[in-house]
């Protein structure tokens, strides 16, 4: 699950807010 967290983190850094980040 590290990859998903890394991707969510990168997306959040870019300014996106994926549901995965919200759930986590």
PDB file of N, CA and C in Angstrom:
ATOM      1  N   UNK A   1       0.845  -1.205   0.000  1.00  0.00           N
ATOM      2  CA  UNK A   1       0.000   0.000   0.000  1.00  0.00           C
ATOM      3  C   UNK A   1       0.876   1.249   0.000  1.00  0.00           C
ATOM      4  N   UNK A   2       2.176   1.056   0.106  1.00  0.00           N
ATOM      5  CA  UNK A   2       3.068   2.223   0.129  1.00  0.00           C
ATOM      6  C   UNK A   2       2.962   2.992  -1.174  1.00  0.00           C
ATOM      7  N   UNK A   3       2.839   2.269  -2.271  1.00  0.00           N
ATOM      8  CA  UNK A   3       2.775   2.927  -3.588  1.00  0.00           C
ATOM      9  C   UNK A   3       1.528   3.811  -3.663  1.00  0.00           C
ATOM     10  N   UNK A   4       0.400   3.308  -3.182  1.00  0.00           N
ATOM     11  CA  UNK A   4      -0.847   4.089  -3.228  1.00  0.00           C
ATOM     12  C   UNK A   4      -0.688   5.357  -2.390  1.00  0.00           C
ATOM     13  N   UNK A   5      -0.087   5.209  -1.224  1.00  0.00           N
ATOM     14  CA  UNK A   5       0.109   6.382  -0.362  1.00  0.00           C
ATOM     15  C   UNK A   5       1.035   7.381  -1.038  1.00  0.00           C
ATOM     16  N   UNK A   6       2.089   6.886  -1.658  1.00  0.00           N
ATOM     17  CA  UNK A   6       3.036   7.774  -2.337  1.00  0.00           C
ATOM     18  C   UNK A   6       2.330   8.516  -3.466  1.00  0.00           C
ATOM     19  N   UNK A   7       1.522   7.801  -4.222  1.00  0.00           N
ATOM     20  CA  UNK A   7       0.806   8.448  -5.341  1.00  0.00           C
ATOM     21  C   UNK A   7      -0.185   9.479  -4.806  1.00  0.00           C
ATOM     22  N   UNK A   8      -0.893   9.125  -3.760  1.00  0.00           N
ATOM     23  CA  UNK A   8      -1.865  10.062  -3.175  1.00  0.00           C
ATOM     24  C   UNK A   8      -1.140  11.299  -2.670  1.00  0.00           C
ATOM     25  N   UNK A   9       0.018  11.076  -2.066  1.00  0.00           N
ATOM     26  CA  UNK A   9       0.789  12.205  -1.534  1.00  0.00           C
ATOM     27  C   UNK A   9       1.248  13.104  -2.682  1.00  0.00           C
ATOM     28  N   UNK A  10       1.721  12.492  -3.760  1.00  0.00           N
ATOM     29  CA  UNK A  10       2.179  13.266  -4.920  1.00  0.00           C
ATOM     30  C   UNK A  10       1.007  14.053  -5.500  1.00  0.00           C
ATOM     31  N   UNK A  11      -0.147  13.423  -5.597  1.00  0.00           N
ATOM     32  CA  UNK A  11      -1.327  14.108  -6.146  1.00  0.00           C
ATOM     33  C   UNK A  11      -1.703  15.281  -5.242  1.00  0.00           C
ATOM     34  N   UNK A  12      -1.666  15.067  -3.945  1.00  0.00           N
ATOM     35  CA  UNK A  12      -2.010  16.145  -3.014  1.00  0.00           C
ATOM     36  C   UNK A  12      -1.003  17.284  -3.153  1.00  0.00           C
ATOM     37  N   UNK A  13       0.263  16.939  -3.332  1.00  0.00           N
ATOM     38  CA  UNK A  13       1.297  17.965  -3.488  1.00  0.00           C
ATOM     39  C   UNK A  13       1.038  18.768  -4.760  1.00  0.00           C
ATOM     40  N   UNK A  14       0.518  18.099  -5.779  1.00  0.00           N
ATOM     41  CA  UNK A  14       0.250  18.799  -7.043  1.00  0.00           C
ATOM     42  C   UNK A  14      -0.974  19.697  -6.900  1.00  0.00           C
ATOM     43  N   UNK A  15      -1.798  19.419  -5.919  1.00  0.00           N
ATOM     44  CA  UNK A  15      -2.989  20.255  -5.728  1.00  0.00           C
ATOM     45  C   UNK A  15      -4.254  19.435  -5.887  1.00  0.00           C
ATOM     46  N   UNK A  16      -4.086  18.140  -6.173  1.00  0.00           N
ATOM     47  CA  UNK A  16      -5.276  17.290  -6.311  1.00  0.00           C
ATOM     48  C   UNK A  16      -5.616  16.674  -4.959  1.00  0.00           C
ATOM     49  N   UNK A  17      -6.881  16.291  -4.809  1.00  0.00           N
ATOM     50  CA  UNK A  17      -7.286  15.691  -3.533  1.00  0.00           C
ATOM     51  C   UNK A  17      -8.089  14.427  -3.804  1.00  0.00           C
ATOM     52  N   UNK A  18      -7.400  13.323  -4.090  1.00  0.00           N
ATOM     53  CA  UNK A  18      -8.069  12.050  -4.389  1.00  0.00           C
ATOM     54  C   UNK A  18      -8.813  11.513  -3.168  1.00  0.00           C
ATOM     55  N   UNK A  19      -9.865  10.733  -3.424  1.00  0.00           N
ATOM     56  CA  UNK A  19     -10.632  10.165  -2.312  1.00  0.00           C
ATOM     57  C   UNK A  19      -9.743   9.299  -1.433  1.00  0.00           C
ATOM     58  N   UNK A  20      -8.753   8.668  -2.034  1.00  0.00           N
ATOM     59  CA  UNK A  20      -7.857   7.811  -1.259  1.00  0.00           C
ATOM     60  C   UNK A  20      -7.202   8.618  -0.148  1.00  0.00           C
ATOM     61  N   UNK A  21      -6.759   9.817  -0.470  1.00  0.00           N
ATOM     62  CA  UNK A  21      -6.102  10.656   0.538  1.00  0.00           C
ATOM     63  C   UNK A  21      -7.101  11.025   1.634  1.00  0.00           C
ATOM     64  N   UNK A  22      -8.335  11.289   1.236  1.00  0.00           N
ATOM     65  CA  UNK A  22      -9.350  11.659   2.227  1.00  0.00           C
ATOM     66  C   UNK A  22      -9.650  10.477   3.140  1.00  0.00           C
ATOM     67  N   UNK A  23      -9.767   9.291   2.555  1.00  0.00           N
ATOM     68  CA  UNK A  23     -10.056   8.096   3.353  1.00  0.00           C
ATOM     69  C   UNK A  23      -8.888   7.786   4.279  1.00  0.00           C
ATOM     70  N   UNK A  24      -7.686   7.898   3.755  1.00  0.00           N
ATOM     71  CA  UNK A  24      -6.507   7.603   4.571  1.00  0.00           C
ATOM     72  C   UNK A  24      -6.265   8.786   5.492  1.00  0.00           C
TER      73      UNK A  24
END
